[in-house]
């Protein structure tokens, strides 16, 4: 997976490290992004969740063809 595509996937722990937010703050931010339809949780788990930014990923995939 290319680096820009990797950036479309984020775990809560990675968000904490990158933003220097506490885990509760990062979790709340991800919940808000899901409510706004910006992010979507893809693991179906309560812990170690991973989120995808569909719109960003869609832009990266525009005009792309499968190898």
PDB file of N, CA and C in Angstrom:
ATOM      1  N   UNK A   1       0.850  -1.166   0.000  1.00  0.00           N
ATOM      2  CA  UNK A   1       0.000   0.000   0.000  1.00  0.00           C
ATOM      3  C   UNK A   1       0.897   1.230   0.000  1.00  0.00           C
ATOM      4  N   UNK A   2       0.564   2.219  -0.828  1.00  0.00           N
ATOM      5  CA  UNK A   2       1.387   3.420  -0.923  1.00  0.00           C
ATOM      6  C   UNK A   2       1.251   4.267   0.339  1.00  0.00           C
ATOM      7  N   UNK A   3       2.209   5.131   0.548  1.00  0.00           N
ATOM      8  CA  UNK A   3       2.218   5.966   1.755  1.00  0.00           C
ATOM      9  C   UNK A   3       0.963   6.828   1.879  1.00  0.00           C
ATOM     10  N   UNK A   4       0.504   7.521   0.811  1.00  0.00           N
ATOM     11  CA  UNK A   4      -0.732   8.295   0.960  1.00  0.00           C
ATOM     12  C   UNK A   4      -1.928   7.424   1.340  1.00  0.00           C
ATOM     13  N   UNK A   5      -2.008   6.216   0.805  1.00  0.00           N
ATOM     14  CA  UNK A   5      -3.125   5.333   1.153  1.00  0.00           C
ATOM     15  C   UNK A   5      -3.028   4.874   2.612  1.00  0.00           C
ATOM     16  N   UNK A   6      -1.806   4.654   3.088  1.00  0.00           N
ATOM     17  CA  UNK A   6      -1.623   4.290   4.500  1.00  0.00           C
ATOM     18  C   UNK A   6      -2.132   5.407   5.403  1.00  0.00           C
ATOM     19  N   UNK A   7      -1.997   6.652   4.943  1.00  0.00           N
ATOM     20  CA  UNK A   7      -2.454   7.792   5.738  1.00  0.00           C
ATOM     21  C   UNK A   7      -3.964   7.849   5.846  1.00  0.00           C
ATOM     22  N   UNK A   8      -4.678   7.102   5.026  1.00  0.00           N
ATOM     23  CA  UNK A   8      -6.132   7.104   5.104  1.00  0.00           C
ATOM     24  C   UNK A   8      -6.628   6.148   6.188  1.00  0.00           C
ATOM     25  N   UNK A   9      -5.733   5.355   6.765  1.00  0.00           N
ATOM     26  CA  UNK A   9      -6.063   4.429   7.855  1.00  0.00           C
ATOM     27  C   UNK A   9      -5.374   4.897   9.126  1.00  0.00           C
ATOM     28  N   UNK A  10      -6.123   4.994  10.205  1.00  0.00           N
ATOM     29  CA  UNK A  10      -5.529   5.422  11.477  1.00  0.00           C
ATOM     30  C   UNK A  10      -6.127   4.650  12.633  1.00  0.00           C
ATOM     31  N   UNK A  11      -5.275   4.235  13.549  1.00  0.00           N
ATOM     32  CA  UNK A  11      -5.748   3.642  14.800  1.00  0.00           C
ATOM     33  C   UNK A  11      -5.836   4.765  15.830  1.00  0.00           C
ATOM     34  N   UNK A  12      -6.573   4.522  16.889  1.00  0.00           N
ATOM     35  CA  UNK A  12      -6.660   5.531  17.944  1.00  0.00           C
ATOM     36  C   UNK A  12      -5.298   5.765  18.581  1.00  0.00           C
ATOM     37  N   UNK A  13      -4.519   4.706  18.780  1.00  0.00           N
ATOM     38  CA  UNK A  13      -3.200   4.881  19.400  1.00  0.00           C
ATOM     39  C   UNK A  13      -2.270   5.684  18.489  1.00  0.00           C
ATOM     40  N   UNK A  14      -2.355   5.457  17.173  1.00  0.00           N
ATOM     41  CA  UNK A  14      -1.539   6.238  16.237  1.00  0.00           C
ATOM     42  C   UNK A  14      -1.969   7.701  16.245  1.00  0.00           C
ATOM     43  N   UNK A  15      -3.265   7.926  16.381  1.00  0.00           N
ATOM     44  CA  UNK A  15      -3.774   9.294  16.454  1.00  0.00           C
ATOM     45  C   UNK A  15      -3.247   9.988  17.708  1.00  0.00           C
ATOM     46  N   UNK A  16      -3.192   9.271  18.820  1.00  0.00           N
ATOM     47  CA  UNK A  16      -2.640   9.832  20.060  1.00  0.00           C
ATOM     48  C   UNK A  16      -1.187  10.233  19.875  1.00  0.00           C
ATOM     49  N   UNK A  17      -0.403   9.352  19.298  1.00  0.00           N
ATOM     50  CA  UNK A  17       1.022   9.631  19.100  1.00  0.00           C
ATOM     51  C   UNK A  17       1.231  10.812  18.172  1.00  0.00           C
ATOM     52  N   UNK A  18       0.489  10.826  17.077  1.00  0.00           N
ATOM     53  CA  UNK A  18       0.680  11.871  16.056  1.00  0.00           C
ATOM     54  C   UNK A  18       0.215  13.240  16.539  1.00  0.00           C
ATOM     55  N   UNK A  19      -0.885  13.279  17.293  1.00  0.00           N
ATOM     56  CA  UNK A  19      -1.463  14.549  17.712  1.00  0.00           C
ATOM     57  C   UNK A  19      -1.078  14.966  19.121  1.00  0.00           C
ATOM     58  N   UNK A  20      -0.500  14.042  19.885  1.00  0.00           N
ATOM     59  CA  UNK A  20      -0.156  14.245  21.293  1.00  0.00           C
ATOM     60  C   UNK A  20      -1.400  14.510  22.143  1.00  0.00           C
ATOM     61  N   UNK A  21      -2.542  13.978  21.699  1.00  0.00           N
ATOM     62  CA  UNK A  21      -3.766  14.037  22.485  1.00  0.00           C
ATOM     63  C   UNK A  21      -3.810  12.844  23.423  1.00  0.00           C
ATOM     64  N   UNK A  22      -4.554  12.982  24.504  1.00  0.00           N
ATOM     65  CA  UNK A  22      -4.776  11.840  25.382  1.00  0.00           C
ATOM     66  C   UNK A  22      -5.652  10.835  24.646  1.00  0.00           C
ATOM     67  N   UNK A  23      -5.654   9.591  25.109  1.00  0.00           N
ATOM     68  CA  UNK A  23      -6.480   8.580  24.458  1.00  0.00           C
ATOM     69  C   UNK A  23      -7.960   8.960  24.483  1.00  0.00           C
ATOM     70  N   UNK A  24      -8.506   9.429  25.623  1.00  0.00           N
ATOM     71  CA  UNK A  24      -9.922   9.823  25.621  1.00  0.00           C
ATOM     72  C   UNK A  24     -10.225  10.955  24.628  1.00  0.00           C
ATOM     73  N   UNK A  25      -9.312  11.914  24.506  1.00  0.00           N
ATOM     74  CA  UNK A  25      -9.522  13.015  23.567  1.00  0.00           C
ATOM     75  C   UNK A  25      -9.474  12.518  22.123  1.00  0.00           C
ATOM     76  N   UNK A  26      -8.523  11.656  21.810  1.00  0.00           N
ATOM     77  CA  UNK A  26      -8.426  11.107  20.451  1.00  0.00           C
ATOM     78  C   UNK A  26      -9.643  10.250  20.134  1.00  0.00           C
ATOM     79  N   UNK A  27     -10.091   9.482  21.104  1.00  0.00           N
ATOM     80  CA  UNK A  27     -11.266   8.635  20.906  1.00  0.00           C
ATOM     81  C   UNK A  27     -12.505   9.492  20.655  1.00  0.00           C
ATOM     82  N   UNK A  28     -12.657  10.556  21.424  1.00  0.00           N
ATOM     83  CA  UNK A  28     -13.785  11.474  21.225  1.00  0.00           C
ATOM     84  C   UNK A  28     -13.726  12.129  19.853  1.00  0.00           C
ATOM     85  N   UNK A  29     -12.534  12.503  19.430  1.00  0.00           N
ATOM     86  CA  UNK A  29     -12.374  13.115  18.113  1.00  0.00           C
ATOM     87  C   UNK A  29     -12.769  12.137  17.000  1.00  0.00           C
ATOM     88  N   UNK A  30     -12.363  10.878  17.154  1.00  0.00           N
ATOM     89  CA  UNK A  30     -12.718   9.886  16.139  1.00  0.00           C
ATOM     90  C   UNK A  30     -14.223   9.634  16.133  1.00  0.00           C
ATOM     91  N   UNK A  31     -14.843   9.634  17.308  1.00  0.00           N
ATOM     92  CA  UNK A  31     -16.301   9.476  17.381  1.00  0.00           C
ATOM     93  C   UNK A  31     -16.993  10.617  16.643  1.00  0.00           C
ATOM     94  N   UNK A  32     -16.504  11.831  16.827  1.00  0.00           N
ATOM     95  CA  UNK A  32     -17.082  12.990  16.139  1.00  0.00           C
ATOM     96  C   UNK A  32     -16.904  12.869  14.628  1.00  0.00           C
ATOM     97  N   UNK A  33     -15.713  12.454  14.194  1.00  0.00           N
ATOM     98  CA  UNK A  33     -15.484  12.278  12.756  1.00  0.00           C
ATOM     99  C   UNK A  33     -16.414  11.216  12.170  1.00  0.00           C
ATOM    100  N   UNK A  34     -16.711  10.177  12.949  1.00  0.00           N
ATOM    101  CA  UNK A  34     -17.661   9.166  12.469  1.00  0.00           C
ATOM    102  C   UNK A  34     -19.067   9.742  12.384  1.00  0.00           C
ATOM    103  N   UNK A  35     -19.466  10.524  13.384  1.00  0.00           N
ATOM    104  CA  UNK A  35     -20.794  11.146  13.363  1.00  0.00           C
ATOM    105  C   UNK A  35     -20.946  12.077  12.166  1.00  0.00           C
ATOM    106  N   UNK A  36     -19.870  12.759  11.789  1.00  0.00           N
ATOM    107  CA  UNK A  36     -19.892  13.684  10.657  1.00  0.00           C
ATOM    108  C   UNK A  36     -19.793  12.967   9.317  1.00  0.00           C
ATOM    109  N   UNK A  37     -19.525  11.661   9.360  1.00  0.00           N
ATOM    110  CA  UNK A  37     -19.390  10.888   8.129  1.00  0.00           C
ATOM    111  C   UNK A  37     -18.035  11.014   7.471  1.00  0.00           C
ATOM    112  N   UNK A  38     -17.076  11.573   8.189  1.00  0.00           N
ATOM    113  CA  UNK A  38     -15.726  11.752   7.652  1.00  0.00           C
ATOM    114  C   UNK A  38     -14.900  10.487   7.791  1.00  0.00           C
ATOM    115  N   UNK A  39     -15.085   9.774   8.881  1.00  0.00           N
ATOM    116  CA  UNK A  39     -14.325   8.547   9.149  1.00  0.00           C
ATOM    117  C   UNK A  39     -15.287   7.392   9.383  1.00  0.00           C
ATOM    118  N   UNK A  40     -14.745   6.192   9.186  1.00  0.00           N
ATOM    119  CA  UNK A  40     -15.524   4.971   9.401  1.00  0.00           C
ATOM    120  C   UNK A  40     -14.627   3.958  10.092  1.00  0.00           C
ATOM    121  N   UNK A  41     -15.145   3.304  11.129  1.00  0.00           N
ATOM    122  CA  UNK A  41     -14.393   2.279  11.859  1.00  0.00           C
ATOM    123  C   UNK A  41     -14.512   0.971  11.071  1.00  0.00           C
ATOM    124  N   UNK A  42     -13.379   0.283  10.854  1.00  0.00           N
ATOM    125  CA  UNK A  42     -13.402  -0.882   9.958  1.00  0.00           C
ATOM    126  C   UNK A  42     -13.120  -2.219  10.629  1.00  0.00           C
ATOM    127  N   UNK A  43     -12.790  -2.228  11.920  1.00  0.00           N
ATOM    128  CA  UNK A  43     -12.457  -3.507  12.550  1.00  0.00           C
ATOM    129  C   UNK A  43     -13.667  -4.182  13.181  1.00  0.00           C
ATOM    130  N   UNK A  44     -14.666  -3.395  13.591  1.00  0.00           N
ATOM    131  CA  UNK A  44     -15.817  -3.947  14.279  1.00  0.00           C
ATOM    132  C   UNK A  44     -15.525  -4.305  15.724  1.00  0.00           C
ATOM    133  N   UNK A  45     -14.388  -3.874  16.225  1.00  0.00           N
ATOM    134  CA  UNK A  45     -13.976  -4.181  17.592  1.00  0.00           C
ATOM    135  C   UNK A  45     -14.223  -2.984  18.507  1.00  0.00           C
ATOM    136  N   UNK A  46     -14.210  -3.246  19.797  1.00  0.00           N
ATOM    137  CA  UNK A  46     -14.317  -2.172  20.783  1.00  0.00           C
ATOM    138  C   UNK A  46     -12.942  -1.641  21.176  1.00  0.00           C
ATOM    139  N   UNK A  47     -11.911  -2.479  21.002  1.00  0.00           N
ATOM    140  CA  UNK A  47     -10.540  -2.083  21.325  1.00  0.00           C
ATOM    141  C   UNK A  47      -9.694  -2.186  20.067  1.00  0.00           C
ATOM    142  N   UNK A  48      -8.597  -1.456  20.051  1.00  0.00           N
ATOM    143  CA  UNK A  48      -7.665  -1.478  18.910  1.00  0.00           C
ATOM    144  C   UNK A  48      -8.376  -1.183  17.595  1.00  0.00           C
ATOM    145  N   UNK A  49      -9.250  -0.205  17.634  1.00  0.00           N
ATOM    146  CA  UNK A  49     -10.026   0.135  16.437  1.00  0.00           C
ATOM    147  C   UNK A  49      -9.162   0.839  15.401  1.00  0.00           C
ATOM    148  N   UNK A  50      -9.520   0.639  14.142  1.00  0.00           N
ATOM    149  CA  UNK A  50      -8.857   1.297  13.019  1.00  0.00           C
ATOM    150  C   UNK A  50      -9.937   2.019  12.230  1.00  0.00           C
ATOM    151  N   UNK A  51      -9.601   3.222  11.808  1.00  0.00           N
ATOM    152  CA  UNK A  51     -10.546   4.064  11.089  1.00  0.00           C
ATOM    153  C   UNK A  51     -10.018   4.354   9.696  1.00  0.00           C
ATOM    154  N   UNK A  52     -10.937   4.508   8.764  1.00  0.00           N
ATOM    155  CA  UNK A  52     -10.576   4.852   7.401  1.00  0.00           C
ATOM    156  C   UNK A  52     -11.278   6.157   7.043  1.00  0.00           C
ATOM    157  N   UNK A  53     -10.589   6.968   6.268  1.00  0.00           N
ATOM    158  CA  UNK A  53     -11.135   8.217   5.759  1.00  0.00           C
ATOM    159  C   UNK A  53     -11.527   7.967   4.307  1.00  0.00           C
ATOM    160  N   UNK A  54     -12.781   7.571   4.107  1.00  0.00           N
ATOM    161  CA  UNK A  54     -13.248   7.135   2.796  1.00  0.00           C
ATOM    162  C   UNK A  54     -13.102   8.188   1.703  1.00  0.00           C
ATOM    163  N   UNK A  55     -13.450   9.437   2.007  1.00  0.00           N
ATOM    164  CA  UNK A  55     -13.384  10.480   0.979  1.00  0.00           C
ATOM    165  C   UNK A  55     -11.949  10.684   0.504  1.00  0.00           C
ATOM    166  N   UNK A  56     -11.015  10.721   1.444  1.00  0.00           N
ATOM    167  CA  UNK A  56      -9.600  10.872   1.109  1.00  0.00           C
ATOM    168  C   UNK A  56      -9.125   9.690   0.265  1.00  0.00           C
ATOM    169  N   UNK A  57      -9.499   8.495   0.674  1.00  0.00           N
ATOM    170  CA  UNK A  57      -9.116   7.302  -0.069  1.00  0.00           C
ATOM    171  C   UNK A  57      -9.737   7.320  -1.462  1.00  0.00           C
ATOM    172  N   UNK A  58     -10.969   7.784  -1.574  1.00  0.00           N
ATOM    173  CA  UNK A  58     -11.626   7.899  -2.868  1.00  0.00           C
ATOM    174  C   UNK A  58     -10.902   8.841  -3.804  1.00  0.00           C
ATOM    175  N   UNK A  59     -10.436   9.956  -3.268  1.00  0.00           N
ATOM    176  CA  UNK A  59      -9.686  10.918  -4.087  1.00  0.00           C
ATOM    177  C   UNK A  59      -8.388  10.286  -4.573  1.00  0.00           C
ATOM    178  N   UNK A  60      -7.712   9.547  -3.704  1.00  0.00           N
ATOM    179  CA  UNK A  60      -6.459   8.897  -4.100  1.00  0.00           C
ATOM    180  C   UNK A  60      -6.698   7.840  -5.170  1.00  0.00           C
ATOM    181  N   UNK A  61      -7.863   7.207  -5.144  1.00  0.00           N
ATOM    182  CA  UNK A  61      -8.167   6.136  -6.094  1.00  0.00           C
ATOM    183  C   UNK A  61      -8.746   6.631  -7.414  1.00  0.00           C
ATOM    184  N   UNK A  62      -9.078   7.912  -7.510  1.00  0.00           N
ATOM    185  CA  UNK A  62      -9.650   8.427  -8.754  1.00  0.00           C
ATOM    186  C   UNK A  62      -8.683   8.190  -9.910  1.00  0.00           C
ATOM    187  N   UNK A  63      -9.194   7.589 -10.945  1.00  0.00           N
ATOM    188  CA  UNK A  63      -8.387   7.335 -12.133  1.00  0.00           C
ATOM    189  C   UNK A  63      -7.402   6.198 -11.992  1.00  0.00           C
ATOM    190  N   UNK A  64      -7.374   5.560 -10.841  1.00  0.00           N
ATOM    191  CA  UNK A  64      -6.444   4.455 -10.624  1.00  0.00           C
ATOM    192  C   UNK A  64      -6.985   3.193 -11.299  1.00  0.00           C
ATOM    193  N   UNK A  65      -6.085   2.372 -11.750  1.00  0.00           N
ATOM    194  CA  UNK A  65      -6.468   1.091 -12.322  1.00  0.00           C
ATOM    195  C   UNK A  65      -5.809  -0.014 -11.518  1.00  0.00           C
ATOM    196  N   UNK A  66      -6.446  -1.156 -11.488  1.00  0.00           N
ATOM    197  CA  UNK A  66      -5.866  -2.306 -10.790  1.00  0.00           C
ATOM    198  C   UNK A  66      -4.686  -2.830 -11.580  1.00  0.00           C
ATOM    199  N   UNK A  67      -3.594  -3.229 -10.873  1.00  0.00           N
ATOM    200  CA  UNK A  67      -2.423  -3.756 -11.595  1.00  0.00           C
ATOM    201  C   UNK A  67      -2.704  -5.112 -12.207  1.00  0.00           C
TER     202      UNK A  67
END
